């Protein structure tokens, strides 16, 4: 049996990662910060995009295809 995390919990976990970071992070760096139940990178990107739509996070372009 698998246990899924609700979206609010994942948003809170991502916010904790961002708050504890010393600077801006890419989605991959956010994913790498998880030690238990690592979400798929596509899930991290989706949640970050939804959080951006709520003005909870800001996205800035970097060189290449990445955003922080």
Protein backbone atom coordinates (compact mmCIF):
# COMPACT_ATOMS: atom_id res chain seq x y z
CA UNK A 1 0.00 0.00 0.00
CA UNK A 2 1.38 3.42 -0.90
CA UNK A 3 0.74 6.54 1.08
CA UNK A 4 0.30 9.78 -0.80
CA UNK A 5 1.04 13.20 0.58
CA UNK A 6 -1.62 15.85 0.16
CA UNK A 7 -0.77 18.96 -1.84
CA UNK A 8 -0.78 21.24 1.22
CA UNK A 9 1.84 19.08 2.94
CA UNK A 10 4.07 19.09 -0.13
CA UNK A 11 3.75 22.87 -0.47
CA UNK A 12 4.72 23.24 3.19
CA UNK A 13 7.69 20.91 2.74
CA UNK A 14 8.85 22.85 -0.32
CA UNK A 15 8.48 26.16 1.54
CA UNK A 16 10.59 24.76 4.39
CA UNK A 17 13.29 23.80 1.90
CA UNK A 18 13.23 27.29 0.38
CA UNK A 19 13.21 29.06 3.76
CA UNK A 20 16.20 27.03 4.95
CA UNK A 21 18.21 27.66 1.77
CA UNK A 22 20.98 30.24 1.70
CA UNK A 23 19.77 31.53 -1.68
CA UNK A 24 17.54 30.79 -4.65
CA UNK A 25 17.12 27.13 -5.66
CA UNK A 26 16.25 25.35 -8.88
CA UNK A 27 13.46 22.76 -8.86
CA UNK A 28 16.14 20.03 -8.98
CA UNK A 29 17.85 21.50 -5.90
CA UNK A 30 14.51 21.57 -4.09
CA UNK A 31 13.95 17.93 -5.02
CA UNK A 32 17.49 17.01 -3.88
CA UNK A 33 16.78 18.52 -0.44
CA UNK A 34 14.14 15.85 0.26
CA UNK A 35 15.49 12.85 2.14
CA UNK A 36 12.31 10.85 2.60
CA UNK A 37 9.58 10.31 -0.01
CA UNK A 38 11.32 12.28 -2.72
CA UNK A 39 8.71 13.67 -5.11
CA UNK A 40 9.20 13.39 -8.88
CA UNK A 41 10.82 16.44 -10.47
CA UNK A 42 7.66 17.05 -12.49
CA UNK A 43 5.66 17.16 -9.26
CA UNK A 44 8.10 19.66 -7.73
CA UNK A 45 7.89 21.86 -10.84
CA UNK A 46 4.08 21.68 -10.85
CA UNK A 47 3.80 22.58 -7.17
CA UNK A 48 6.32 25.43 -7.54
CA UNK A 49 4.33 26.76 -10.51
CA UNK A 50 1.09 26.64 -8.51
CA UNK A 51 2.83 28.38 -5.61
CA UNK A 52 4.07 31.05 -8.04
CA UNK A 53 0.49 31.59 -9.25
CA UNK A 54 -0.46 32.23 -5.59
CA UNK A 55 2.49 34.67 -5.24
CA UNK A 56 4.06 32.39 -2.62
CA UNK A 57 7.32 32.10 -4.58
CA UNK A 58 9.06 34.06 -7.31
CA UNK A 59 10.67 32.58 -10.42
CA UNK A 60 13.70 34.13 -12.07
CA UNK A 61 15.31 33.01 -15.32
CA UNK A 62 18.95 31.95 -15.26
CA UNK A 63 21.34 31.23 -18.07
CA UNK A 64 20.21 28.19 -20.00
CA UNK A 65 16.83 26.57 -19.39
CA UNK A 66 16.80 26.71 -15.59
CA UNK A 67 14.83 28.96 -13.29
CA UNK A 68 15.50 29.65 -9.65
